[in-house]
Amino acid sequence: MRIRSALAAVAATAALATGISITPAVADNRGDTSAAAWTPTTTLNNGPIRECYAASCDEVWRPGPGETVRWSHHAINPDSNNRWYYVQYVFGNGHPKTVYGWIYCGNVTAPC
């Protein structure tokens, strides 16, 4: 839980430092990353989850089409003026693993 909170804080700090607007999925003044703060969306293709909100950033994971990911907020890339969602993706049978990162809005059903 601390790692998720730290990642959210880093993302928010980076957004503030670069002047990027972040819109939460659900207003939560405590920075909570519980299930209520995450909005489900579906992947449309094989688009990757990345470390930051730019196509040049390293991939964290590449979910297949039709997978459910949950987003908490979005950011606008200042260089290309496109929207990216901060997502969590849970996968694996028996020993689930959760990854966090950014996915381009054109790769999910959430609005672009």
N, C-alpha and C. Protein backbone atom coordinates (compact mmCIF):
# COMPACT_ATOMS: atom_id res chain seq x y z
N MET A 1 0.82 -1.18 0.00
CA MET A 1 0.00 0.00 0.00
C MET A 1 0.87 1.25 0.00
N ARG A 2 1.98 1.20 0.72
CA ARG A 2 2.87 2.35 0.76
C ARG A 2 3.48 2.63 -0.60
N ILE A 3 3.80 1.57 -1.34
CA ILE A 3 4.39 1.75 -2.67
C ILE A 3 3.41 2.45 -3.59
N ARG A 4 2.14 2.04 -3.56
CA ARG A 4 1.13 2.69 -4.41
C ARG A 4 0.97 4.15 -4.04
N SER A 5 0.96 4.45 -2.75
CA SER A 5 0.84 5.84 -2.31
C SER A 5 2.06 6.64 -2.76
N ALA A 6 3.23 6.03 -2.65
CA ALA A 6 4.46 6.71 -3.07
C ALA A 6 4.45 6.97 -4.57
N LEU A 7 4.01 5.97 -5.36
CA LEU A 7 3.93 6.15 -6.81
C LEU A 7 2.95 7.25 -7.18
N ALA A 8 1.82 7.29 -6.52
CA ALA A 8 0.84 8.34 -6.79
C ALA A 8 1.40 9.71 -6.44
N ALA A 9 2.14 9.79 -5.33
CA ALA A 9 2.74 11.06 -4.93
C ALA A 9 3.80 11.49 -5.93
N VAL A 10 4.60 10.57 -6.42
CA VAL A 10 5.63 10.89 -7.42
C VAL A 10 4.97 11.39 -8.70
N ALA A 11 3.91 10.72 -9.14
CA ALA A 11 3.20 11.13 -10.35
C ALA A 11 2.62 12.52 -10.20
N ALA A 12 2.02 12.80 -9.05
CA ALA A 12 1.44 14.12 -8.81
C ALA A 12 2.51 15.20 -8.76
N THR A 13 3.64 14.91 -8.11
CA THR A 13 4.73 15.87 -8.04
C THR A 13 5.30 16.15 -9.42
N ALA A 14 5.48 15.11 -10.21
CA ALA A 14 6.00 15.29 -11.58
C ALA A 14 5.03 16.11 -12.41
N ALA A 15 3.75 15.87 -12.24
CA ALA A 15 2.76 16.63 -12.99
C ALA A 15 2.78 18.10 -12.61
N LEU A 16 2.90 18.37 -11.31
CA LEU A 16 2.96 19.76 -10.87
C LEU A 16 4.22 20.45 -11.37
N ALA A 17 5.33 19.73 -11.36
CA ALA A 17 6.60 20.31 -11.79
C ALA A 17 6.60 20.64 -13.28
N THR A 18 5.85 19.88 -14.07
CA THR A 18 5.83 20.10 -15.51
C THR A 18 4.61 20.87 -15.98
N GLY A 19 3.73 21.24 -15.05
CA GLY A 19 2.55 22.00 -15.41
C GLY A 19 1.46 21.18 -16.07
N ILE A 20 1.45 19.87 -15.83
CA ILE A 20 0.47 18.98 -16.45
C ILE A 20 -0.75 18.89 -15.55
N SER A 21 -1.92 18.91 -16.16
CA SER A 21 -3.14 18.78 -15.37
C SER A 21 -3.46 17.32 -15.12
N ILE A 22 -3.86 17.03 -13.90
CA ILE A 22 -4.25 15.67 -13.53
C ILE A 22 -5.69 15.74 -13.03
N THR A 23 -6.51 14.85 -13.56
CA THR A 23 -7.91 14.80 -13.16
C THR A 23 -8.18 13.46 -12.50
N PRO A 24 -8.58 13.45 -11.22
CA PRO A 24 -8.85 12.18 -10.55
C PRO A 24 -10.12 11.52 -11.06
N ALA A 25 -10.14 10.20 -11.01
CA ALA A 25 -11.34 9.47 -11.40
C ALA A 25 -12.44 9.70 -10.37
N VAL A 26 -12.07 9.71 -9.11
CA VAL A 26 -12.98 9.97 -8.01
C VAL A 26 -12.27 10.92 -7.06
N ALA A 27 -12.93 11.99 -6.68
CA ALA A 27 -12.30 12.95 -5.77
C ALA A 27 -11.97 12.27 -4.46
N ASP A 28 -10.72 12.37 -4.03
CA ASP A 28 -10.28 11.75 -2.79
C ASP A 28 -9.13 12.59 -2.26
N ASN A 29 -9.40 13.39 -1.25
CA ASN A 29 -8.40 14.30 -0.71
C ASN A 29 -7.32 13.61 0.10
N ARG A 30 -7.52 12.33 0.43
CA ARG A 30 -6.54 11.62 1.24
C ARG A 30 -5.50 10.90 0.39
N GLY A 31 -5.63 10.90 -0.95
CA GLY A 31 -4.69 10.19 -1.79
C GLY A 31 -4.88 8.68 -1.71
N ASP A 32 -6.07 8.23 -1.35
CA ASP A 32 -6.35 6.81 -1.18
C ASP A 32 -6.28 6.09 -2.52
N THR A 33 -5.71 4.90 -2.55
CA THR A 33 -5.66 4.10 -3.77
C THR A 33 -6.53 2.86 -3.63
N SER A 34 -7.56 2.92 -2.80
CA SER A 34 -8.45 1.78 -2.64
C SER A 34 -9.27 1.58 -3.91
N ALA A 35 -10.00 0.47 -3.95
CA ALA A 35 -10.79 0.13 -5.13
C ALA A 35 -11.77 1.23 -5.50
N ALA A 36 -12.29 1.98 -4.53
CA ALA A 36 -13.25 3.04 -4.81
C ALA A 36 -12.61 4.19 -5.60
N ALA A 37 -11.29 4.32 -5.55
CA ALA A 37 -10.61 5.41 -6.23
C ALA A 37 -10.19 5.04 -7.66
N TRP A 38 -10.46 3.83 -8.09
CA TRP A 38 -10.04 3.36 -9.41
C TRP A 38 -11.26 3.08 -10.29
N THR A 39 -11.23 3.54 -11.53
CA THR A 39 -12.32 3.36 -12.48
C THR A 39 -11.92 2.33 -13.52
N PRO A 40 -12.72 1.27 -13.71
CA PRO A 40 -12.34 0.24 -14.69
C PRO A 40 -12.51 0.73 -16.13
N THR A 41 -11.64 0.26 -16.99
CA THR A 41 -11.72 0.47 -18.43
C THR A 41 -11.15 -0.79 -19.09
N THR A 42 -11.36 -0.93 -20.39
CA THR A 42 -10.93 -2.13 -21.11
C THR A 42 -9.90 -1.76 -22.16
N THR A 43 -8.88 -2.61 -22.31
CA THR A 43 -7.87 -2.36 -23.34
C THR A 43 -8.46 -2.69 -24.71
N LEU A 44 -8.09 -1.88 -25.70
CA LEU A 44 -8.61 -2.06 -27.05
C LEU A 44 -7.67 -2.86 -27.94
N ASN A 45 -6.40 -2.81 -27.65
CA ASN A 45 -5.40 -3.47 -28.49
C ASN A 45 -4.25 -3.94 -27.61
N ASN A 46 -3.12 -4.09 -28.17
CA ASN A 46 -1.96 -4.59 -27.43
C ASN A 46 -1.06 -3.43 -26.96
N GLY A 47 -1.67 -2.26 -26.69
CA GLY A 47 -0.90 -1.09 -26.27
C GLY A 47 -0.26 -1.28 -24.91
N PRO A 48 0.97 -0.80 -24.73
CA PRO A 48 1.70 -1.02 -23.48
C PRO A 48 1.33 -0.06 -22.37
N ILE A 49 1.56 -0.51 -21.15
CA ILE A 49 1.57 0.35 -19.97
C ILE A 49 3.02 0.82 -19.84
N ARG A 50 3.23 2.12 -19.69
CA ARG A 50 4.58 2.69 -19.67
C ARG A 50 4.91 3.33 -18.32
N GLU A 51 6.20 3.57 -18.09
CA GLU A 51 6.67 4.18 -16.85
C GLU A 51 6.24 5.64 -16.71
N CYS A 52 6.06 6.33 -17.81
CA CYS A 52 5.62 7.72 -17.78
C CYS A 52 4.66 7.95 -18.95
N TYR A 53 4.12 9.14 -19.06
CA TYR A 53 3.09 9.39 -20.07
C TYR A 53 3.67 9.96 -21.36
N ALA A 54 4.52 9.14 -22.00
CA ALA A 54 5.09 9.45 -23.31
C ALA A 54 5.44 8.15 -24.01
N ALA A 55 5.32 8.14 -25.33
CA ALA A 55 5.61 6.93 -26.11
C ALA A 55 7.07 6.51 -25.99
N SER A 56 7.94 7.44 -25.64
CA SER A 56 9.37 7.13 -25.51
C SER A 56 9.73 6.48 -24.19
N CYS A 57 8.81 6.40 -23.24
CA CYS A 57 9.09 5.81 -21.93
C CYS A 57 9.12 4.29 -22.01
N ASP A 58 9.86 3.69 -21.10
CA ASP A 58 9.97 2.22 -21.06
C ASP A 58 8.63 1.57 -20.74
N GLU A 59 8.43 0.38 -21.30
CA GLU A 59 7.24 -0.40 -21.03
C GLU A 59 7.33 -1.05 -19.66
N VAL A 60 6.20 -1.06 -18.94
CA VAL A 60 6.07 -1.78 -17.68
C VAL A 60 5.48 -3.15 -17.95
N TRP A 61 4.42 -3.17 -18.77
CA TRP A 61 3.74 -4.41 -19.12
C TRP A 61 2.91 -4.15 -20.36
N ARG A 62 2.57 -5.22 -21.08
CA ARG A 62 1.76 -5.11 -22.28
C ARG A 62 0.56 -6.05 -22.16
N PRO A 63 -0.58 -5.54 -21.65
CA PRO A 63 -1.76 -6.40 -21.57
C PRO A 63 -2.35 -6.64 -22.96
N GLY A 64 -3.03 -7.73 -23.12
CA GLY A 64 -3.65 -8.04 -24.40
C GLY A 64 -4.96 -7.28 -24.57
N PRO A 65 -5.56 -7.35 -25.76
CA PRO A 65 -6.84 -6.69 -25.98
C PRO A 65 -7.95 -7.31 -25.14
N GLY A 66 -8.87 -6.47 -24.67
CA GLY A 66 -10.00 -6.94 -23.88
C GLY A 66 -9.71 -7.13 -22.41
N GLU A 67 -8.54 -6.74 -21.95
CA GLU A 67 -8.18 -6.86 -20.53
C GLU A 67 -8.75 -5.68 -19.75
N THR A 68 -9.05 -5.90 -18.48
CA THR A 68 -9.52 -4.82 -17.62
C THR A 68 -8.33 -4.19 -16.91
N VAL A 69 -8.22 -2.88 -17.02
CA VAL A 69 -7.27 -2.09 -16.24
C VAL A 69 -8.10 -1.04 -15.50
N ARG A 70 -7.57 -0.52 -14.42
CA ARG A 70 -8.27 0.51 -13.66
C ARG A 70 -7.43 1.77 -13.63
N TRP A 71 -8.08 2.92 -13.87
CA TRP A 71 -7.35 4.19 -13.87
C TRP A 71 -7.78 5.07 -12.70
N SER A 72 -6.84 5.87 -12.21
CA SER A 72 -7.13 6.75 -11.08
C SER A 72 -7.12 8.22 -11.49
N HIS A 73 -6.30 8.58 -12.48
CA HIS A 73 -6.22 9.96 -12.96
C HIS A 73 -5.58 9.96 -14.33
N HIS A 74 -5.61 11.12 -14.99
CA HIS A 74 -4.96 11.21 -16.29
C HIS A 74 -4.06 12.43 -16.34
N ALA A 75 -3.18 12.44 -17.33
CA ALA A 75 -2.29 13.57 -17.55
C ALA A 75 -2.22 13.84 -19.05
N ILE A 76 -1.92 15.07 -19.39
CA ILE A 76 -1.76 15.46 -20.79
C ILE A 76 -0.27 15.61 -21.07
N ASN A 77 0.23 14.87 -22.06
CA ASN A 77 1.63 14.98 -22.45
C ASN A 77 1.83 16.34 -23.12
N PRO A 78 2.72 17.18 -22.58
CA PRO A 78 2.86 18.53 -23.11
C PRO A 78 3.48 18.58 -24.52
N ASP A 79 4.28 17.58 -24.89
CA ASP A 79 4.92 17.58 -26.20
C ASP A 79 3.96 17.19 -27.32
N SER A 80 3.10 16.22 -27.06
CA SER A 80 2.19 15.74 -28.11
C SER A 80 0.72 16.10 -27.83
N ASN A 81 0.46 16.70 -26.67
CA ASN A 81 -0.88 17.14 -26.28
C ASN A 81 -1.89 16.00 -26.34
N ASN A 82 -1.50 14.82 -25.86
CA ASN A 82 -2.43 13.69 -25.82
C ASN A 82 -2.61 13.21 -24.38
N ARG A 83 -3.70 12.51 -24.15
CA ARG A 83 -4.09 12.07 -22.81
C ARG A 83 -3.55 10.68 -22.51
N TRP A 84 -3.05 10.53 -21.28
CA TRP A 84 -2.57 9.24 -20.76
C TRP A 84 -3.25 8.99 -19.42
N TYR A 85 -3.61 7.73 -19.17
CA TYR A 85 -4.24 7.34 -17.91
C TYR A 85 -3.24 6.61 -17.03
N TYR A 86 -3.25 6.95 -15.73
CA TYR A 86 -2.45 6.21 -14.76
C TYR A 86 -3.28 5.00 -14.36
N VAL A 87 -2.75 3.80 -14.61
CA VAL A 87 -3.52 2.57 -14.43
C VAL A 87 -2.85 1.57 -13.51
N GLN A 88 -3.69 0.66 -13.00
CA GLN A 88 -3.20 -0.53 -12.32
C GLN A 88 -3.75 -1.72 -13.11
N TYR A 89 -2.93 -2.73 -13.24
CA TYR A 89 -3.32 -3.94 -13.97
C TYR A 89 -2.95 -5.14 -13.13
N VAL A 90 -3.92 -6.01 -12.85
CA VAL A 90 -3.70 -7.20 -12.03
C VAL A 90 -3.78 -8.41 -12.95
N PHE A 91 -2.78 -9.30 -12.86
CA PHE A 91 -2.76 -10.49 -13.71
C PHE A 91 -2.12 -11.64 -12.95
N GLY A 92 -2.27 -12.85 -13.49
CA GLY A 92 -1.65 -14.04 -12.91
C GLY A 92 -2.64 -14.87 -12.11
N ASN A 93 -2.53 -16.17 -12.26
CA ASN A 93 -3.38 -17.10 -11.52
C ASN A 93 -2.61 -17.65 -10.33
N GLY A 94 -3.27 -17.75 -9.20
CA GLY A 94 -2.63 -18.30 -8.01
C GLY A 94 -1.82 -17.28 -7.25
N HIS A 95 -0.95 -16.56 -7.94
CA HIS A 95 -0.10 -15.54 -7.33
C HIS A 95 -0.25 -14.26 -8.14
N PRO A 96 -1.35 -13.52 -7.95
CA PRO A 96 -1.58 -12.33 -8.76
C PRO A 96 -0.48 -11.29 -8.57
N LYS A 97 -0.23 -10.57 -9.63
CA LYS A 97 0.75 -9.49 -9.61
C LYS A 97 0.05 -8.23 -10.08
N THR A 98 0.39 -7.10 -9.50
CA THR A 98 -0.19 -5.82 -9.88
C THR A 98 0.92 -4.92 -10.40
N VAL A 99 0.69 -4.33 -11.58
CA VAL A 99 1.63 -3.35 -12.11
C VAL A 99 0.91 -2.00 -12.23
N TYR A 100 1.68 -0.95 -12.15
CA TYR A 100 1.17 0.42 -12.26
C TYR A 100 1.96 1.15 -13.34
N GLY A 101 1.30 2.06 -14.03
CA GLY A 101 1.97 2.86 -15.03
C GLY A 101 0.97 3.67 -15.83
N TRP A 102 1.43 4.16 -16.98
CA TRP A 102 0.62 5.05 -17.82
C TRP A 102 0.28 4.35 -19.13
N ILE A 103 -0.97 4.53 -19.59
CA ILE A 103 -1.39 3.96 -20.87
C ILE A 103 -2.04 5.06 -21.70
N TYR A 104 -1.72 5.10 -22.98
CA TYR A 104 -2.27 6.10 -23.90
C TYR A 104 -3.77 5.90 -24.02
N CYS A 105 -4.53 6.98 -24.06
CA CYS A 105 -6.00 6.90 -24.06
C CYS A 105 -6.54 6.16 -25.28
N GLY A 106 -5.83 6.15 -26.39
CA GLY A 106 -6.27 5.43 -27.58
C GLY A 106 -6.17 3.91 -27.44
N ASN A 107 -5.56 3.46 -26.36
CA ASN A 107 -5.41 2.01 -26.13
C ASN A 107 -6.43 1.45 -25.15
N VAL A 108 -7.35 2.31 -24.65
CA VAL A 108 -8.39 1.87 -23.71
C VAL A 108 -9.74 2.47 -24.10
N THR A 109 -10.80 1.94 -23.49
CA THR A 109 -12.14 2.44 -23.82
C THR A 109 -12.48 3.73 -23.09
N ALA A 110 -11.69 4.15 -22.12
CA ALA A 110 -11.93 5.43 -21.44
C ALA A 110 -11.80 6.56 -22.48
N PRO A 111 -12.47 7.68 -22.27
CA PRO A 111 -12.48 8.73 -23.29
C PRO A 111 -11.11 9.34 -23.58
N CYS A 112 -10.91 9.64 -24.83
CA CYS A 112 -9.67 10.30 -25.28
C CYS A 112 -10.00 11.76 -25.42
